[in-house]
Structures are given as C-alpha cells and as structure tokens.
Amino acid sequence: MQIDKLRDEQLDQLFDAILSLETREDCYKFFDDLATMNEINSLKQRFQVAKLLTEGRTYNDIEKETKASTATISRVRRCIDYGSGGYELVLGRLPDAK
C-alpha cells in the first residue's frame, strides 16, 4: 500500500480520531476543522467517481455528473483495479450498495 510510506503514530491517531466519530454531524464538525473546502470537495468528488465507476458508468457520464477531469477518473479507476481495495470495502458497506 502506498500509504505505508506515511504510516506512523500521528497517522494512527488521525485514523483513530476518524473512527471515534459517531454521527454524520460529528463528521461535518471534524472535517470542517480538519480540511479546507477544496480538500473536502476533492475527496467527495473522488468518492463519487468511484461509486459511479463501480456502477459501470462511462467516463463521459461521470465527467458530466461530477465535473471530474478524465485524469481524476483514470486515477480512481486505477485505484479500483490495482489499489488496496479500500473503495470496494467502503462502497460494499453502504446501505444503498445492497
């Protein structure tokens, strides 16, 4: 995993903090303080791209719906195909994925 290069106690603490969030409102509060609007929008866009890709949508459809560049869509596709399985893990746990 690429993130292994960053693995340390501080990153563990960040992930533990995220895991401690109990409600969606907790998430809004924490991420509002943690990240800029652009950072949050980028994460949101990548997650939506991943969702649409796993639904079988075309790059053109995804580009129109999310305003993501084809480069971003390609990067997310590469993560889905060759990454650590994180997108599949989370998308499979969402209530609307069943």
PDB file of N, CA and C in Angstrom:
ATOM      1  N   MET A   1       0.840  -1.184   0.000  1.00  0.00           N
ATOM      2  CA  MET A   1       0.000   0.000   0.000  1.00  0.00           C
ATOM      3  C   MET A   1       0.885   1.247   0.000  1.00  0.00           C
ATOM      4  N   GLN A   2       0.486   2.216  -0.790  1.00  0.00           N
ATOM      5  CA  GLN A   2       1.236   3.472  -0.849  1.00  0.00           C
ATOM      6  C   GLN A   2       1.269   4.180   0.502  1.00  0.00           C
ATOM      7  N   ILE A   3       0.179   4.099   1.214  1.00  0.00           N
ATOM      8  CA  ILE A   3       0.064   4.827   2.477  1.00  0.00           C
ATOM      9  C   ILE A   3       1.016   4.292   3.540  1.00  0.00           C
ATOM     10  N   ASP A   4       1.555   3.091   3.322  1.00  0.00           N
ATOM     11  CA  ASP A   4       2.518   2.543   4.271  1.00  0.00           C
ATOM     12  C   ASP A   4       3.723   3.460   4.447  1.00  0.00           C
ATOM     13  N   LYS A   5       4.034   4.236   3.413  1.00  0.00           N
ATOM     14  CA  LYS A   5       5.151   5.176   3.497  1.00  0.00           C
ATOM     15  C   LYS A   5       4.879   6.271   4.523  1.00  0.00           C
ATOM     16  N   LEU A   6       3.616   6.519   4.802  1.00  0.00           N
ATOM     17  CA  LEU A   6       3.226   7.567   5.759  1.00  0.00           C
ATOM     18  C   LEU A   6       2.865   7.013   7.132  1.00  0.00           C
ATOM     19  N   ARG A   7       2.823   5.703   7.243  1.00  0.00           N
ATOM     20  CA  ARG A   7       2.369   5.055   8.473  1.00  0.00           C
ATOM     21  C   ARG A   7       3.262   5.453   9.647  1.00  0.00           C
ATOM     22  N   ASP A   8       2.636   6.027  10.660  1.00  0.00           N
ATOM     23  CA  ASP A   8       3.331   6.369  11.895  1.00  0.00           C
ATOM     24  C   ASP A   8       2.291   6.634  12.983  1.00  0.00           C
ATOM     25  N   GLU A   9       2.759   6.991  14.155  1.00  0.00           N
ATOM     26  CA  GLU A   9       1.855   7.201  15.288  1.00  0.00           C
ATOM     27  C   GLU A   9       0.882   8.351  15.051  1.00  0.00           C
ATOM     28  N   GLN A  10       1.344   9.402  14.393  1.00  0.00           N
ATOM     29  CA  GLN A  10       0.466  10.546  14.138  1.00  0.00           C
ATOM     30  C   GLN A  10      -0.668  10.174  13.184  1.00  0.00           C
ATOM     31  N   LEU A  11      -0.365   9.404  12.140  1.00  0.00           N
ATOM     32  CA  LEU A  11      -1.421   8.984  11.215  1.00  0.00           C
ATOM     33  C   LEU A  11      -2.375   8.013  11.908  1.00  0.00           C
ATOM     34  N   ASP A  12      -1.831   7.139  12.745  1.00  0.00           N
ATOM     35  CA  ASP A  12      -2.683   6.248  13.536  1.00  0.00           C
ATOM     36  C   ASP A  12      -3.647   7.059  14.398  1.00  0.00           C
ATOM     37  N   GLN A  13      -3.146   8.131  15.008  1.00  0.00           N
ATOM     38  CA  GLN A  13      -4.004   8.979  15.844  1.00  0.00           C
ATOM     39  C   GLN A  13      -5.091   9.649  15.017  1.00  0.00           C
ATOM     40  N   LEU A  14      -4.745  10.096  13.813  1.00  0.00           N
ATOM     41  CA  LEU A  14      -5.752  10.700  12.934  1.00  0.00           C
ATOM     42  C   LEU A  14      -6.830   9.681  12.598  1.00  0.00           C
ATOM     43  N   PHE A  15      -6.426   8.484  12.207  1.00  0.00           N
ATOM     44  CA  PHE A  15      -7.407   7.453  11.868  1.00  0.00           C
ATOM     45  C   PHE A  15      -8.240   7.064  13.085  1.00  0.00           C
ATOM     46  N   ASP A  16      -7.627   6.993  14.251  1.00  0.00           N
ATOM     47  CA  ASP A  16      -8.379   6.705  15.476  1.00  0.00           C
ATOM     48  C   ASP A  16      -9.405   7.807  15.748  1.00  0.00           C
ATOM     49  N   ALA A  17      -9.016   9.054  15.478  1.00  0.00           N
ATOM     50  CA  ALA A  17      -9.950  10.171  15.657  1.00  0.00           C
ATOM     51  C   ALA A  17     -11.136  10.019  14.710  1.00  0.00           C
ATOM     52  N   ILE A  18     -10.872   9.657  13.462  1.00  0.00           N
ATOM     53  CA  ILE A  18     -11.953   9.472  12.489  1.00  0.00           C
ATOM     54  C   ILE A  18     -12.850   8.312  12.913  1.00  0.00           C
ATOM     55  N   LEU A  19     -12.239   7.232  13.377  1.00  0.00           N
ATOM     56  CA  LEU A  19     -13.026   6.079  13.830  1.00  0.00           C
ATOM     57  C   LEU A  19     -13.876   6.402  15.056  1.00  0.00           C
ATOM     58  N   SER A  20     -13.499   7.433  15.809  1.00  0.00           N
ATOM     59  CA  SER A  20     -14.263   7.798  17.005  1.00  0.00           C
ATOM     60  C   SER A  20     -15.525   8.593  16.686  1.00  0.00           C
ATOM     61  N   LEU A  21     -15.656   9.089  15.470  1.00  0.00           N
ATOM     62  CA  LEU A  21     -16.831   9.877  15.087  1.00  0.00           C
ATOM     63  C   LEU A  21     -18.060   8.972  15.073  1.00  0.00           C
ATOM     64  N   GLU A  22     -19.111   9.416  15.725  1.00  0.00           N
ATOM     65  CA  GLU A  22     -20.291   8.567  15.883  1.00  0.00           C
ATOM     66  C   GLU A  22     -21.455   8.937  14.989  1.00  0.00           C
ATOM     67  N   THR A  23     -21.515  10.177  14.561  1.00  0.00           N
ATOM     68  CA  THR A  23     -22.660  10.612  13.759  1.00  0.00           C
ATOM     69  C   THR A  23     -22.161  11.382  12.533  1.00  0.00           C
ATOM     70  N   ARG A  24     -23.035  11.552  11.585  1.00  0.00           N
ATOM     71  CA  ARG A  24     -22.713  12.357  10.414  1.00  0.00           C
ATOM     72  C   ARG A  24     -22.395  13.788  10.838  1.00  0.00           C
ATOM     73  N   GLU A  25     -23.131  14.298  11.800  1.00  0.00           N
ATOM     74  CA  GLU A  25     -22.872  15.660  12.289  1.00  0.00           C
ATOM     75  C   GLU A  25     -21.482  15.763  12.915  1.00  0.00           C
ATOM     76  N   ASP A  26     -21.047  14.714  13.641  1.00  0.00           N
ATOM     77  CA  ASP A  26     -19.678  14.669  14.155  1.00  0.00           C
ATOM     78  C   ASP A  26     -18.679  14.795  13.004  1.00  0.00           C
ATOM     79  N   CYS A  27     -18.946  14.097  11.913  1.00  0.00           N
ATOM     80  CA  CYS A  27     -18.067  14.141  10.737  1.00  0.00           C
ATOM     81  C   CYS A  27     -18.020  15.543  10.147  1.00  0.00           C
ATOM     82  N   TYR A  28     -19.170  16.177  10.009  1.00  0.00           N
ATOM     83  CA  TYR A  28     -19.200  17.543   9.480  1.00  0.00           C
ATOM     84  C   TYR A  28     -18.347  18.469  10.344  1.00  0.00           C
ATOM     85  N   LYS A  29     -18.494  18.380  11.642  1.00  0.00           N
ATOM     86  CA  LYS A  29     -17.738  19.252  12.548  1.00  0.00           C
ATOM     87  C   LYS A  29     -16.238  18.991  12.447  1.00  0.00           C
ATOM     88  N   PHE A  30     -15.850  17.727  12.497  1.00  0.00           N
ATOM     89  CA  PHE A  30     -14.435  17.390  12.488  1.00  0.00           C
ATOM     90  C   PHE A  30     -13.780  17.767  11.165  1.00  0.00           C
ATOM     91  N   PHE A  31     -14.387  17.382  10.043  1.00  0.00           N
ATOM     92  CA  PHE A  31     -13.792  17.668   8.752  1.00  0.00           C
ATOM     93  C   PHE A  31     -13.828  19.152   8.418  1.00  0.00           C
ATOM     94  N   ASP A  32     -14.789  19.887   8.963  1.00  0.00           N
ATOM     95  CA  ASP A  32     -14.817  21.338   8.777  1.00  0.00           C
ATOM     96  C   ASP A  32     -13.579  21.973   9.395  1.00  0.00           C
ATOM     97  N   ASP A  33     -13.172  21.444  10.544  1.00  0.00           N
ATOM     98  CA  ASP A  33     -11.973  21.956  11.207  1.00  0.00           C
ATOM     99  C   ASP A  33     -10.685  21.396  10.599  1.00  0.00           C
ATOM    100  N   LEU A  34     -10.721  20.174  10.122  1.00  0.00           N
ATOM    101  CA  LEU A  34      -9.522  19.478   9.671  1.00  0.00           C
ATOM    102  C   LEU A  34      -9.060  19.890   8.277  1.00  0.00           C
ATOM    103  N   ALA A  35      -9.979  20.072   7.354  1.00  0.00           N
ATOM    104  CA  ALA A  35      -9.623  20.233   5.947  1.00  0.00           C
ATOM    105  C   ALA A  35     -10.248  21.490   5.356  1.00  0.00           C
ATOM    106  N   THR A  36      -9.645  21.937   4.260  1.00  0.00           N
ATOM    107  CA  THR A  36     -10.215  23.079   3.536  1.00  0.00           C
ATOM    108  C   THR A  36     -11.417  22.602   2.714  1.00  0.00           C
ATOM    109  N   MET A  37     -12.189  23.541   2.251  1.00  0.00           N
ATOM    110  CA  MET A  37     -13.336  23.208   1.406  1.00  0.00           C
ATOM    111  C   MET A  37     -12.868  22.499   0.133  1.00  0.00           C
ATOM    112  N   ASN A  38     -11.768  22.964  -0.448  1.00  0.00           N
ATOM    113  CA  ASN A  38     -11.247  22.327  -1.662  1.00  0.00           C
ATOM    114  C   ASN A  38     -10.816  20.889  -1.397  1.00  0.00           C
ATOM    115  N   GLU A  39     -10.175  20.651  -0.267  1.00  0.00           N
ATOM    116  CA  GLU A  39      -9.755  19.281   0.070  1.00  0.00           C
ATOM    117  C   GLU A  39     -10.959  18.365   0.248  1.00  0.00           C
ATOM    118  N   ILE A  40     -11.963  18.865   0.941  1.00  0.00           N
ATOM    119  CA  ILE A  40     -13.180  18.070   1.154  1.00  0.00           C
ATOM    120  C   ILE A  40     -13.878  17.815  -0.181  1.00  0.00           C
ATOM    121  N   ASN A  41     -13.959  18.838  -1.018  1.00  0.00           N
ATOM    122  CA  ASN A  41     -14.588  18.663  -2.339  1.00  0.00           C
ATOM    123  C   ASN A  41     -13.834  17.645  -3.186  1.00  0.00           C
ATOM    124  N   SER A  42     -12.519  17.645  -3.126  1.00  0.00           N
ATOM    125  CA  SER A  42     -11.725  16.671  -3.875  1.00  0.00           C
ATOM    126  C   SER A  42     -12.002  15.253  -3.395  1.00  0.00           C
ATOM    127  N   LEU A  43     -12.042  15.068  -2.084  1.00  0.00           N
ATOM    128  CA  LEU A  43     -12.346  13.745  -1.527  1.00  0.00           C
ATOM    129  C   LEU A  43     -13.755  13.302  -1.919  1.00  0.00           C
ATOM    130  N   LYS A  44     -14.691  14.233  -1.809  1.00  0.00           N
ATOM    131  CA  LYS A  44     -16.086  13.941  -2.163  1.00  0.00           C
ATOM    132  C   LYS A  44     -16.198  13.550  -3.632  1.00  0.00           C
ATOM    133  N   GLN A  45     -15.511  14.287  -4.484  1.00  0.00           N
ATOM    134  CA  GLN A  45     -15.552  14.013  -5.924  1.00  0.00           C
ATOM    135  C   GLN A  45     -14.956  12.643  -6.235  1.00  0.00           C
ATOM    136  N   ARG A  46     -13.802  12.319  -5.659  1.00  0.00           N
ATOM    137  CA  ARG A  46     -13.176  11.018  -5.911  1.00  0.00           C
ATOM    138  C   ARG A  46     -14.068   9.880  -5.444  1.00  0.00           C
ATOM    139  N   PHE A  47     -14.697  10.056  -4.304  1.00  0.00           N
ATOM    140  CA  PHE A  47     -15.570   9.007  -3.793  1.00  0.00           C
ATOM    141  C   PHE A  47     -16.770   8.811  -4.721  1.00  0.00           C
ATOM    142  N   GLN A  48     -17.342   9.905  -5.203  1.00  0.00           N
ATOM    143  CA  GLN A  48     -18.470   9.805  -6.129  1.00  0.00           C
ATOM    144  C   GLN A  48     -18.044   9.148  -7.435  1.00  0.00           C
ATOM    145  N   VAL A  49     -16.857   9.505  -7.934  1.00  0.00           N
ATOM    146  CA  VAL A  49     -16.327   8.877  -9.144  1.00  0.00           C
ATOM    147  C   VAL A  49     -16.194   7.372  -8.932  1.00  0.00           C
ATOM    148  N   ALA A  50     -15.656   6.967  -7.802  1.00  0.00           N
ATOM    149  CA  ALA A  50     -15.505   5.536  -7.512  1.00  0.00           C
ATOM    150  C   ALA A  50     -16.853   4.836  -7.491  1.00  0.00           C
ATOM    151  N   LYS A  51     -17.823   5.463  -6.883  1.00  0.00           N
ATOM    152  CA  LYS A  51     -19.168   4.881  -6.818  1.00  0.00           C
ATOM    153  C   LYS A  51     -19.735   4.683  -8.222  1.00  0.00           C
ATOM    154  N   LEU A  52     -19.611   5.702  -9.044  1.00  0.00           N
ATOM    155  CA  LEU A  52     -20.150   5.626 -10.403  1.00  0.00           C
ATOM    156  C   LEU A  52     -19.380   4.616 -11.260  1.00  0.00           C
ATOM    157  N   LEU A  53     -18.067   4.555 -11.091  1.00  0.00           N
ATOM    158  CA  LEU A  53     -17.283   3.576 -11.838  1.00  0.00           C
ATOM    159  C   LEU A  53     -17.697   2.152 -11.473  1.00  0.00           C
ATOM    160  N   THR A  54     -17.894   1.906 -10.192  1.00  0.00           N
ATOM    161  CA  THR A  54     -18.290   0.554  -9.775  1.00  0.00           C
ATOM    162  C   THR A  54     -19.707   0.218 -10.206  1.00  0.00           C
ATOM    163  N   GLU A  55     -20.486   1.236 -10.530  1.00  0.00           N
ATOM    164  CA  GLU A  55     -21.829   1.014 -11.077  1.00  0.00           C
ATOM    165  C   GLU A  55     -21.790   0.791 -12.589  1.00  0.00           C
ATOM    166  N   GLY A  56     -20.591   0.907 -13.176  1.00  0.00           N
ATOM    167  CA  GLY A  56     -20.449   0.670 -14.603  1.00  0.00           C
ATOM    168  C   GLY A  56     -20.686   1.867 -15.486  1.00  0.00           C
ATOM    169  N   ARG A  57     -20.719   3.039 -14.910  1.00  0.00           N
ATOM    170  CA  ARG A  57     -20.958   4.254 -15.695  1.00  0.00           C
ATOM    171  C   ARG A  57     -19.751   4.580 -16.564  1.00  0.00           C
ATOM    172  N   THR A  58     -19.988   5.275 -17.673  1.00  0.00           N
ATOM    173  CA  THR A  58     -18.917   5.637 -18.599  1.00  0.00           C
ATOM    174  C   THR A  58     -18.169   6.868 -18.098  1.00  0.00           C
ATOM    175  N   TYR A  59     -16.944   7.036 -18.611  1.00  0.00           N
ATOM    176  CA  TYR A  59     -16.155   8.210 -18.258  1.00  0.00           C
ATOM    177  C   TYR A  59     -16.907   9.487 -18.618  1.00  0.00           C
ATOM    178  N   ASN A  60     -17.547   9.517 -19.778  1.00  0.00           N
ATOM    179  CA  ASN A  60     -18.293  10.713 -20.196  1.00  0.00           C
ATOM    180  C   ASN A  60     -19.406  11.043 -19.218  1.00  0.00           C
ATOM    181  N   ASP A  61     -20.180  10.036 -18.827  1.00  0.00           N
ATOM    182  CA  ASP A  61     -21.260  10.260 -17.855  1.00  0.00           C
ATOM    183  C   ASP A  61     -20.709  10.783 -16.532  1.00  0.00           C
ATOM    184  N   ILE A  62     -19.617  10.164 -16.081  1.00  0.00           N
ATOM    185  CA  ILE A  62     -19.023  10.547 -14.797  1.00  0.00           C
ATOM    186  C   ILE A  62     -18.473  11.968 -14.861  1.00  0.00           C
ATOM    187  N   GLU A  63     -17.817  12.293 -15.966  1.00  0.00           N
ATOM    188  CA  GLU A  63     -17.266  13.643 -16.144  1.00  0.00           C
ATOM    189  C   GLU A  63     -18.379  14.687 -16.096  1.00  0.00           C
ATOM    190  N   LYS A  64     -19.496  14.407 -16.769  1.00  0.00           N
ATOM    191  CA  LYS A  64     -20.625  15.345 -16.773  1.00  0.00           C
ATOM    192  C   LYS A  64     -21.256  15.474 -15.387  1.00  0.00           C
ATOM    193  N   GLU A  65     -21.438  14.353 -14.719  1.00  0.00           N
ATOM    194  CA  GLU A  65     -22.133  14.372 -13.427  1.00  0.00           C
ATOM    195  C   GLU A  65     -21.291  14.943 -12.289  1.00  0.00           C
ATOM    196  N   THR A  66     -19.992  14.648 -12.295  1.00  0.00           N
ATOM    197  CA  THR A  66     -19.150  15.040 -11.160  1.00  0.00           C
ATOM    198  C   THR A  66     -18.241  16.222 -11.442  1.00  0.00           C
ATOM    199  N   LYS A  67     -18.099  16.584 -12.715  1.00  0.00           N
ATOM    200  CA  LYS A  67     -17.157  17.632 -13.145  1.00  0.00           C
ATOM    201  C   LYS A  67     -15.711  17.224 -12.896  1.00  0.00           C
ATOM    202  N   ALA A  68     -15.462  15.937 -12.680  1.00  0.00           N
ATOM    203  CA  ALA A  68     -14.103  15.433 -12.504  1.00  0.00           C
ATOM    204  C   ALA A  68     -13.406  15.372 -13.851  1.00  0.00           C
ATOM    205  N   SER A  69     -12.112  15.616 -13.843  1.00  0.00           N
ATOM    206  CA  SER A  69     -11.336  15.502 -15.079  1.00  0.00           C
ATOM    207  C   SER A  69     -11.170  14.023 -15.424  1.00  0.00           C
ATOM    208  N   THR A  70     -10.869  13.771 -16.688  1.00  0.00           N
ATOM    209  CA  THR A  70     -10.633  12.383 -17.081  1.00  0.00           C
ATOM    210  C   THR A  70      -9.395  11.837 -16.372  1.00  0.00           C
ATOM    211  N   ALA A  71      -8.441  12.701 -16.045  1.00  0.00           N
ATOM    212  CA  ALA A  71      -7.258  12.262 -15.292  1.00  0.00           C
ATOM    213  C   ALA A  71      -7.659  11.766 -13.898  1.00  0.00           C
ATOM    214  N   THR A  72      -8.550  12.492 -13.236  1.00  0.00           N
ATOM    215  CA  THR A  72      -9.029  12.063 -11.921  1.00  0.00           C
ATOM    216  C   THR A  72      -9.795  10.756 -12.032  1.00  0.00           C
ATOM    217  N   ILE A  73     -10.654  10.663 -13.020  1.00  0.00           N
ATOM    218  CA  ILE A  73     -11.425   9.432 -13.221  1.00  0.00           C
ATOM    219  C   ILE A  73     -10.486   8.255 -13.466  1.00  0.00           C
ATOM    220  N   SER A  74      -9.459   8.475 -14.269  1.00  0.00           N
ATOM    221  CA  SER A  74      -8.486   7.416 -14.556  1.00  0.00           C
ATOM    222  C   SER A  74      -7.722   7.000 -13.305  1.00  0.00           C
ATOM    223  N   ARG A  75      -7.342   7.970 -12.479  1.00  0.00           N
ATOM    224  CA  ARG A  75      -6.634   7.651 -11.232  1.00  0.00           C
ATOM    225  C   ARG A  75      -7.508   6.823 -10.306  1.00  0.00           C
ATOM    226  N   VAL A  76      -8.778   7.195 -10.185  1.00  0.00           N
ATOM    227  CA  VAL A  76      -9.696   6.436  -9.341  1.00  0.00           C
ATOM    228  C   VAL A  76      -9.897   5.035  -9.922  1.00  0.00           C
ATOM    229  N   ARG A  77     -10.040   4.936 -11.235  1.00  0.00           N
ATOM    230  CA  ARG A  77     -10.172   3.630 -11.891  1.00  0.00           C
ATOM    231  C   ARG A  77      -8.972   2.744 -11.586  1.00  0.00           C
ATOM    232  N   ARG A  78      -7.768   3.333 -11.639  1.00  0.00           N
ATOM    233  CA  ARG A  78      -6.547   2.593 -11.337  1.00  0.00           C
ATOM    234  C   ARG A  78      -6.555   2.096  -9.890  1.00  0.00           C
ATOM    235  N   CYS A  79      -7.029   2.921  -8.977  1.00  0.00           N
ATOM    236  CA  CYS A  79      -7.119   2.503  -7.570  1.00  0.00           C
ATOM    237  C   CYS A  79      -8.117   1.358  -7.404  1.00  0.00           C
ATOM    238  N   ILE A  80      -9.222   1.439  -8.098  1.00  0.00           N
ATOM    239  CA  ILE A  80     -10.212   0.364  -8.025  1.00  0.00           C
ATOM    240  C   ILE A  80      -9.625  -0.928  -8.582  1.00  0.00           C
ATOM    241  N   ASP A  81      -8.920  -0.833  -9.697  1.00  0.00           N
ATOM    242  CA  ASP A  81      -8.391  -2.019 -10.360  1.00  0.00           C
ATOM    243  C   ASP A  81      -7.152  -2.591  -9.681  1.00  0.00           C
ATOM    244  N   TYR A  82      -6.279  -1.719  -9.190  1.00  0.00           N
ATOM    245  CA  TYR A  82      -4.964  -2.183  -8.714  1.00  0.00           C
ATOM    246  C   TYR A  82      -4.614  -1.715  -7.307  1.00  0.00           C
ATOM    247  N   GLY A  83      -5.536  -1.045  -6.635  1.00  0.00           N
ATOM    248  CA  GLY A  83      -5.240  -0.475  -5.325  1.00  0.00           C
ATOM    249  C   GLY A  83      -5.398  -1.460  -4.189  1.00  0.00           C
ATOM    250  N   SER A  84      -5.640  -0.948  -3.031  1.00  0.00           N
ATOM    251  CA  SER A  84      -5.702  -1.728  -1.798  1.00  0.00           C
ATOM    252  C   SER A  84      -7.080  -2.301  -1.495  1.00  0.00           C
ATOM    253  N   GLY A  85      -8.072  -1.965  -2.326  1.00  0.00           N
ATOM    254  CA  GLY A  85      -9.425  -2.461  -2.108  1.00  0.00           C
ATOM    255  C   GLY A  85     -10.262  -1.603  -1.179  1.00  0.00           C
ATOM    256  N   GLY A  86      -9.763  -0.409  -0.882  1.00  0.00           N
ATOM    257  CA  GLY A  86     -10.475   0.468   0.047  1.00  0.00           C
ATOM    258  C   GLY A  86     -11.822   0.956  -0.461  1.00  0.00           C
ATOM    259  N   TYR A  87     -11.866   1.335  -1.737  1.00  0.00           N
ATOM    260  CA  TYR A  87     -13.144   1.792  -2.288  1.00  0.00           C
ATOM    261  C   TYR A  87     -14.182   0.679  -2.218  1.00  0.00           C
ATOM    262  N   GLU A  88     -13.806  -0.515  -2.646  1.00  0.00           N
ATOM    263  CA  GLU A  88     -14.739  -1.644  -2.645  1.00  0.00           C
ATOM    264  C   GLU A  88     -15.207  -1.963  -1.219  1.00  0.00           C
ATOM    265  N   LEU A  89     -14.262  -1.900  -0.281  1.00  0.00           N
ATOM    266  CA  LEU A  89     -14.587  -2.170   1.119  1.00  0.00           C
ATOM    267  C   LEU A  89     -15.687  -1.235   1.618  1.00  0.00           C
ATOM    268  N   VAL A  90     -15.478   0.051   1.400  1.00  0.00           N
ATOM    269  CA  VAL A  90     -16.425   1.048   1.908  1.00  0.00           C
ATOM    270  C   VAL A  90     -17.725   1.051   1.108  1.00  0.00           C
ATOM    271  N   LEU A  91     -17.622   1.009  -0.205  1.00  0.00           N
ATOM    272  CA  LEU A  91     -18.838   1.030  -1.023  1.00  0.00           C
ATOM    273  C   LEU A  91     -19.715  -0.185  -0.741  1.00  0.00           C
ATOM    274  N   GLY A  92     -19.096  -1.311  -0.456  1.00  0.00           N
ATOM    275  CA  GLY A  92     -19.854  -2.520  -0.138  1.00  0.00           C
ATOM    276  C   GLY A  92     -20.569  -2.442   1.196  1.00  0.00           C
ATOM    277  N   ARG A  93     -20.136  -1.545   2.050  1.00  0.00           N
ATOM    278  CA  ARG A  93     -20.757  -1.394   3.378  1.00  0.00           C
ATOM    279  C   ARG A  93     -21.866  -0.358   3.417  1.00  0.00           C
ATOM    280  N   LEU A  94     -21.979   0.426   2.371  1.00  0.00           N
ATOM    281  CA  LEU A  94     -23.027   1.457   2.357  1.00  0.00           C
ATOM    282  C   LEU A  94     -24.398   0.821   2.192  1.00  0.00           C
ATOM    283  N   PRO A  95     -25.395   1.351   2.891  1.00  0.00           N
ATOM    284  CA  PRO A  95     -26.735   0.759   2.824  1.00  0.00           C
ATOM    285  C   PRO A  95     -27.307   0.657   1.416  1.00  0.00           C
ATOM    286  N   ASP A  96     -27.048   1.666   0.561  1.00  0.00           N
ATOM    287  CA  ASP A  96     -27.626   1.642  -0.793  1.00  0.00           C
ATOM    288  C   ASP A  96     -26.848   0.746  -1.740  1.00  0.00           C
ATOM    289  N   ALA A  97     -25.761   0.120  -1.266  1.00  0.00           N
ATOM    290  CA  ALA A  97     -24.961  -0.772  -2.113  1.00  0.00           C
ATOM    291  C   ALA A  97     -25.549  -2.174  -2.164  1.00  0.00           C
ATOM    292  N   LYS A  98     -26.514  -2.436  -1.318  1.00  0.00           N
ATOM    293  CA  LYS A  98     -27.095  -3.781  -1.239  1.00  0.00           C
ATOM    294  C   LYS A  98     -28.330  -3.905  -2.065  1.00  0.00           C
TER     295      LYS A  98
END
